[in-house]
Amino acid sequence: MVEVPEHLLKRSAERRAQLAGTSGEAAPDQAAEETTRETTAVDAPAEAAAPAPAAVAGDDSQEITEDRDGVPAHLLERARKRRVAAAGGAAGAVVPAAAAASTTVKTAAPNAPSGTGPDGHTQRLLTVVKSGSIQQTRAEAVDKVHTWPHLLVIELAAALAALAMMLIFSTLVRAPLLGLADVNQTPNPSKAPWYFLGLQEMLTMFHPMVAGVTIPGMGIFLLIISPYVDKNPSNKPDDRKWAISMFTLFLVFWTILVIIGSFFRGAGFNFVFPWKNGIFFEL
């Protein structure tokens, strides 16, 4: 049921009267009568415009005791009661007949809710969001692992494997030991352990000062300044090509010197071919 403001009714009546006076086909009384009929048609009886309370309520006749779609039951029950009250107020509204063309009186239920809040704003309950879904935070993935057990377990396995290999090798292969030492005969020269054979091989090529001090000192100095030259923080091999290349060259160079001192040096540390004279060990 729609309530037409009084000023709109007056404006409509004046407009109709003006149009009737211009055309000469209708009188002012007829315009007022038409306005009255229009107002009466707008303010039709409540029985024809609004359904019965039972039809509006539908399922609202039953009390709600369970949550639906995440909305608490007490909120649903409150909304149901408001709908029932609104339907009852609309059915009990009293609309009198139009007394004049410019006035319309409508009497509504005394306790019918307006449905509007402060300043004419309407409120509607959309949903209830749980606080956990808003306050939940997820940590970002970090490319790091703990030292224990990830790293230390691998290092322990590698140490045990190396120890087992050395134990098996020392059990199956006899050490090439010589006889008792003779103070009157000194072997010239004795081979150093394999990890020093590269340094001993350089002593046959350069001056002792160069082979024993200068070249090793330059290597140690390069190792010291390497973190300041290559500042790339990445651990991926594709991003550390320069560092990997330098370390590979060093290993290749040192490995070649160790192989020559182990298999291509015979008695007196002379250069020999192992497939002709055999492998010479003097410990």
Protein backbone atom coordinates (compact mmCIF):
# COMPACT_ATOMS: atom_id res chain seq x y z
CA MET A 1 0.00 0.00 0.00
CA VAL A 2 1.51 3.33 -1.17
CA GLU A 3 0.87 6.68 0.54
CA VAL A 4 0.86 9.59 -1.91
CA PRO A 5 2.03 12.89 -0.38
CA GLU A 6 -0.51 15.70 -0.24
CA HIS A 7 1.58 18.18 -2.23
CA LEU A 8 1.82 15.72 -5.12
CA LEU A 9 -1.96 15.28 -5.14
CA LYS A 10 -2.47 19.07 -5.24
CA ARG A 11 0.04 19.44 -8.04
CA SER A 12 -1.68 16.69 -10.04
CA ALA A 13 -5.12 18.30 -9.56
CA GLU A 14 -3.85 21.71 -10.67
CA ARG A 15 -2.22 20.19 -13.72
CA ARG A 16 -5.38 18.36 -14.72
CA ALA A 17 -7.44 21.51 -14.22
CA GLN A 18 -5.02 23.46 -16.40
CA LEU A 19 -5.18 20.88 -19.16
CA ALA A 20 -9.02 20.77 -18.94
CA GLY A 21 -9.25 24.57 -19.14
CA THR A 22 -6.97 24.68 -22.17
CA SER A 23 -8.83 22.06 -24.17
CA GLY A 24 -12.32 22.99 -23.03
CA GLU A 25 -13.33 19.35 -22.87
CA ALA A 26 -13.43 18.91 -19.08
CA ALA A 27 -14.34 21.10 -16.16
CA PRO A 28 -12.33 21.62 -12.93
CA ASP A 29 -14.84 19.54 -11.02
CA GLN A 30 -14.25 16.65 -13.35
CA ALA A 31 -10.46 16.91 -12.83
CA ALA A 32 -10.94 16.85 -9.07
CA GLU A 33 -13.20 13.83 -9.40
CA GLU A 34 -10.58 12.01 -11.49
CA THR A 35 -7.89 12.83 -8.90
CA THR A 36 -10.11 11.42 -6.18
CA ARG A 37 -10.62 8.20 -8.13
CA GLU A 38 -6.87 7.88 -8.68
CA THR A 39 -6.14 8.36 -4.99
CA THR A 40 -8.81 5.84 -4.04
CA ALA A 41 -7.35 3.32 -6.48
CA VAL A 42 -3.86 3.79 -5.03
CA ASP A 43 -5.06 3.37 -1.47
CA ALA A 44 -6.96 0.14 -2.11
CA PRO A 45 -8.10 -1.99 0.83
CA ALA A 46 -5.37 -3.89 2.59
CA GLU A 47 -7.12 -7.22 1.92
CA ALA A 48 -6.60 -6.85 -1.84
CA ALA A 49 -3.01 -5.58 -1.70
CA ALA A 50 -1.50 -7.67 1.09
CA PRO A 51 -1.81 -11.43 1.53
CA ALA A 52 -3.03 -13.05 4.68
CA PRO A 53 -0.57 -13.42 7.56
CA ALA A 54 -0.43 -17.15 7.07
CA ALA A 55 0.52 -16.77 3.41
CA VAL A 56 3.26 -14.26 4.20
CA ALA A 57 4.69 -16.14 7.09
CA GLY A 58 4.97 -19.51 5.34
CA ASP A 59 7.63 -21.36 7.30
CA ASP A 60 7.83 -18.49 9.83
CA SER A 61 5.13 -20.17 11.92
CA GLN A 62 7.72 -22.60 13.27
CA GLU A 63 10.36 -21.51 15.76
CA ILE A 64 13.96 -21.69 14.48
CA THR A 65 16.34 -23.55 16.77
CA GLU A 66 19.19 -24.56 14.43
CA ASP A 67 21.84 -22.58 12.57
CA ARG A 68 21.45 -22.19 8.81
CA ASP A 69 24.26 -21.40 6.36
CA GLY A 70 26.55 -20.24 9.15
CA VAL A 71 23.97 -17.78 10.62
CA PRO A 72 23.23 -18.31 14.35
CA ALA A 73 19.76 -19.57 15.27
CA HIS A 74 18.94 -16.62 17.55
CA LEU A 75 19.47 -14.16 14.68
CA LEU A 76 17.24 -16.21 12.39
CA GLU A 77 14.55 -16.40 15.08
CA ARG A 78 14.65 -12.62 15.58
CA ALA A 79 14.23 -12.05 11.82
CA ARG A 80 11.33 -14.49 11.72
CA LYS A 81 9.49 -12.65 14.53
CA ARG A 82 9.96 -9.32 12.77
CA ARG A 83 8.52 -10.73 9.54
CA VAL A 84 5.50 -12.12 11.39
CA ALA A 85 4.93 -8.78 13.14
CA ALA A 86 5.21 -6.90 9.84
CA ALA A 87 2.74 -9.23 8.13
CA GLY A 88 0.23 -8.87 10.99
CA GLY A 89 0.50 -5.06 10.95
CA ALA A 90 -0.07 -4.87 7.20
CA ALA A 91 -3.21 -7.10 7.44
CA GLY A 92 -4.69 -5.04 10.28
CA ALA A 93 -4.18 -1.67 8.60
CA VAL A 94 -7.32 0.51 8.23
CA VAL A 95 -7.69 2.61 5.13
CA PRO A 96 -10.78 4.93 5.15
CA ALA A 97 -12.46 6.13 1.97
CA ALA A 98 -11.15 9.25 0.29
CA ALA A 99 -12.91 12.26 1.81
CA ALA A 100 -11.62 14.75 -0.75
CA ALA A 101 -9.54 14.93 -3.90
CA SER A 102 -6.49 16.40 -2.12
CA THR A 103 -6.41 14.36 1.13
CA THR A 104 -5.76 10.73 1.87
CA VAL A 105 -5.73 9.28 5.36
CA LYS A 106 -4.09 5.96 6.12
CA THR A 107 -3.98 4.26 9.53
CA ALA A 108 -1.27 1.63 10.04
CA ALA A 109 -0.71 -0.87 12.83
CA PRO A 110 0.73 0.77 15.95
CA ASN A 111 3.66 -1.68 16.38
CA ALA A 112 4.59 -2.21 12.71
CA PRO A 113 8.38 -1.89 12.20
CA SER A 114 9.59 0.81 9.88
CA GLY A 115 12.51 -1.16 8.43
CA THR A 116 14.76 1.89 8.37
CA GLY A 117 17.53 3.01 10.64
CA PRO A 118 19.05 6.39 11.46
CA ASP A 119 18.87 8.96 8.64
CA GLY A 120 16.59 6.65 6.67
CA HIS A 121 19.26 3.99 6.03
CA THR A 122 18.10 0.40 5.73
CA GLN A 123 19.88 -2.46 7.46
CA ARG A 124 20.11 -6.04 6.30
CA LEU A 125 21.91 -9.00 7.80
CA LEU A 126 24.07 -10.58 5.13
CA THR A 127 26.12 -13.20 6.95
CA VAL A 128 28.15 -13.83 10.07
CA VAL A 129 31.90 -14.24 9.42
CA LYS A 130 33.91 -16.20 11.95
CA SER A 131 36.89 -14.35 13.37
CA GLY A 132 39.22 -17.28 12.79
CA SER A 133 38.99 -17.02 9.01
CA ILE A 134 40.02 -13.33 9.15
CA GLN A 135 42.76 -13.52 11.78
CA GLN A 136 44.40 -16.66 10.39
CA THR A 137 47.91 -16.00 9.09
CA ARG A 138 50.14 -18.24 6.99
CA ALA A 139 53.92 -18.20 7.13
CA GLU A 140 55.77 -17.73 3.86
CA ALA A 141 57.80 -20.63 2.54
CA VAL A 142 61.53 -20.28 3.29
CA ASP A 143 64.20 -22.20 1.37
CA LYS A 144 66.04 -23.32 4.53
CA VAL A 145 66.32 -26.51 6.58
CA HIS A 146 67.61 -27.21 10.08
CA THR A 147 71.17 -28.39 10.61
CA TRP A 148 69.89 -31.25 12.71
CA PRO A 149 68.82 -33.72 11.48
CA HIS A 150 68.96 -32.82 7.77
CA LEU A 151 72.66 -31.91 7.40
CA LEU A 152 74.29 -33.87 10.21
CA VAL A 153 72.63 -37.15 9.22
CA ILE A 154 74.08 -36.85 5.70
CA GLU A 155 77.54 -35.98 7.05
CA LEU A 156 77.43 -38.92 9.48
CA ALA A 157 76.48 -41.30 6.67
CA ALA A 158 79.34 -40.00 4.49
CA ALA A 159 81.88 -40.36 7.34
CA LEU A 160 80.77 -43.94 8.06
CA ALA A 161 80.99 -44.84 4.35
CA ALA A 162 84.54 -43.42 4.09
CA LEU A 163 85.62 -45.26 7.26
CA ALA A 164 84.22 -48.56 5.96
CA MET A 165 86.00 -48.14 2.61
CA MET A 166 89.34 -47.42 4.30
CA LEU A 167 88.91 -50.40 6.61
CA ILE A 168 88.20 -52.77 3.70
CA PHE A 169 91.08 -51.36 1.63
CA SER A 170 93.62 -51.66 4.48
CA THR A 171 92.50 -55.23 5.13
CA LEU A 172 92.80 -56.44 1.53
CA VAL A 173 95.87 -54.47 0.29
CA ARG A 174 99.28 -54.86 1.91
CA ALA A 175 101.17 -51.68 2.65
CA PRO A 176 104.45 -51.44 0.65
CA LEU A 177 106.66 -51.12 3.71
CA LEU A 178 110.47 -51.42 3.47
CA GLY A 179 112.89 -53.00 5.87
CA LEU A 180 114.37 -51.44 8.93
CA ALA A 181 115.82 -47.99 8.54
CA ASP A 182 119.56 -47.78 7.81
CA VAL A 183 121.32 -44.68 9.06
CA ASN A 184 124.03 -45.19 6.47
CA GLN A 185 121.63 -45.15 3.52
CA THR A 186 119.08 -42.37 3.02
CA PRO A 187 116.61 -42.80 0.15
CA ASN A 188 116.82 -39.90 -2.25
CA PRO A 189 114.19 -38.64 -2.23
CA SER A 190 111.38 -40.26 -0.33
CA LYS A 191 107.88 -39.76 -1.71
CA ALA A 192 105.61 -37.62 0.41
CA PRO A 193 102.04 -38.72 1.24
CA TRP A 194 99.63 -38.43 -1.68
CA TYR A 195 98.11 -35.19 -0.44
CA PHE A 196 101.56 -33.55 -0.48
CA LEU A 197 102.71 -35.05 -3.77
CA GLY A 198 101.42 -32.02 -5.71
CA LEU A 199 103.64 -29.72 -3.63
CA GLN A 200 106.59 -32.11 -4.00
CA GLU A 201 106.02 -32.18 -7.76
CA MET A 202 106.21 -28.38 -7.91
CA LEU A 203 109.55 -28.53 -6.06
CA THR A 204 111.00 -30.38 -9.05
CA MET A 205 109.86 -27.56 -11.39
CA PHE A 206 110.45 -24.33 -9.43
CA HIS A 207 112.76 -22.86 -6.82
CA PRO A 208 111.89 -23.93 -3.26
CA MET A 209 110.97 -20.34 -2.41
CA VAL A 210 108.52 -20.18 -5.30
CA ALA A 211 107.10 -23.71 -4.95
CA GLY A 212 106.91 -23.74 -1.15
CA VAL A 213 106.00 -20.13 -0.28
CA THR A 214 104.95 -17.95 -3.22
CA ILE A 215 102.49 -20.23 -5.03
CA PRO A 216 100.79 -21.61 -1.83
CA GLY A 217 100.65 -18.07 -0.40
CA MET A 218 98.93 -16.76 -3.52
CA GLY A 219 96.40 -19.59 -3.29
CA ILE A 220 95.61 -18.82 0.34
CA PHE A 221 95.28 -15.10 -0.45
CA LEU A 222 92.81 -15.82 -3.26
CA LEU A 223 90.74 -17.96 -0.90
CA ILE A 224 90.65 -15.10 1.62
CA ILE A 225 89.41 -12.46 -0.84
CA SER A 226 87.03 -14.76 -2.75
CA PRO A 227 83.96 -13.95 -0.53
CA TYR A 228 84.51 -10.24 -1.19
CA VAL A 229 84.91 -10.67 -4.96
CA ASP A 230 81.98 -13.03 -5.55
CA LYS A 231 79.08 -11.64 -3.48
CA ASN A 232 76.34 -13.69 -5.12
CA PRO A 233 74.14 -15.06 -2.27
CA SER A 234 72.56 -17.77 -4.41
CA ASN A 235 73.35 -21.45 -3.75
CA LYS A 236 72.24 -22.70 -7.17
CA PRO A 237 75.03 -23.97 -9.47
CA ASP A 238 73.55 -22.09 -12.43
CA ASP A 239 74.06 -18.79 -10.57
CA ARG A 240 77.64 -19.50 -9.38
CA LYS A 241 79.36 -20.34 -12.67
CA TRP A 242 82.46 -18.22 -11.98
CA ALA A 243 83.12 -19.70 -8.52
CA ILE A 244 82.52 -23.26 -9.70
CA SER A 245 84.81 -22.75 -12.70
CA MET A 246 87.68 -21.44 -10.56
CA PHE A 247 87.39 -24.26 -8.04
CA THR A 248 87.20 -26.86 -10.83
CA LEU A 249 90.42 -25.52 -12.41
CA PHE A 250 92.18 -25.72 -9.04
CA LEU A 251 91.08 -29.33 -8.49
CA VAL A 252 92.11 -30.37 -11.99
CA PHE A 253 95.54 -28.75 -11.62
CA TRP A 254 96.20 -30.31 -8.21
CA THR A 255 94.89 -33.73 -9.30
CA ILE A 256 97.26 -33.81 -12.27
CA LEU A 257 100.25 -33.07 -10.00
CA VAL A 258 99.20 -35.82 -7.55
CA ILE A 259 98.77 -38.38 -10.36
CA ILE A 260 102.23 -37.56 -11.78
CA GLY A 261 103.90 -37.84 -8.36
CA SER A 262 102.12 -41.12 -7.56
CA PHE A 263 102.40 -43.08 -10.81
CA PHE A 264 105.02 -41.36 -13.02
CA ARG A 265 107.86 -40.95 -10.49
CA GLY A 266 110.20 -43.86 -9.78
CA ALA A 267 113.45 -44.36 -7.86
CA GLY A 268 115.26 -41.11 -7.20
CA PHE A 269 111.99 -39.31 -8.09
CA ASN A 270 112.84 -39.71 -11.76
CA PHE A 271 110.12 -39.56 -14.40
CA VAL A 272 109.08 -43.05 -15.55
CA PHE A 273 106.19 -44.68 -17.39
CA PRO A 274 104.20 -47.00 -15.13
CA TRP A 275 103.31 -49.41 -17.96
CA LYS A 276 107.06 -50.01 -18.56
CA ASN A 277 108.77 -49.81 -15.17
CA GLY A 278 105.78 -50.40 -12.89
CA ILE A 279 104.52 -48.26 -10.04
CA PHE A 280 107.14 -47.22 -7.51
CA PHE A 281 106.18 -46.77 -3.85
CA GLU A 282 108.68 -45.93 -1.16
CA LEU A 283 107.27 -45.36 2.29
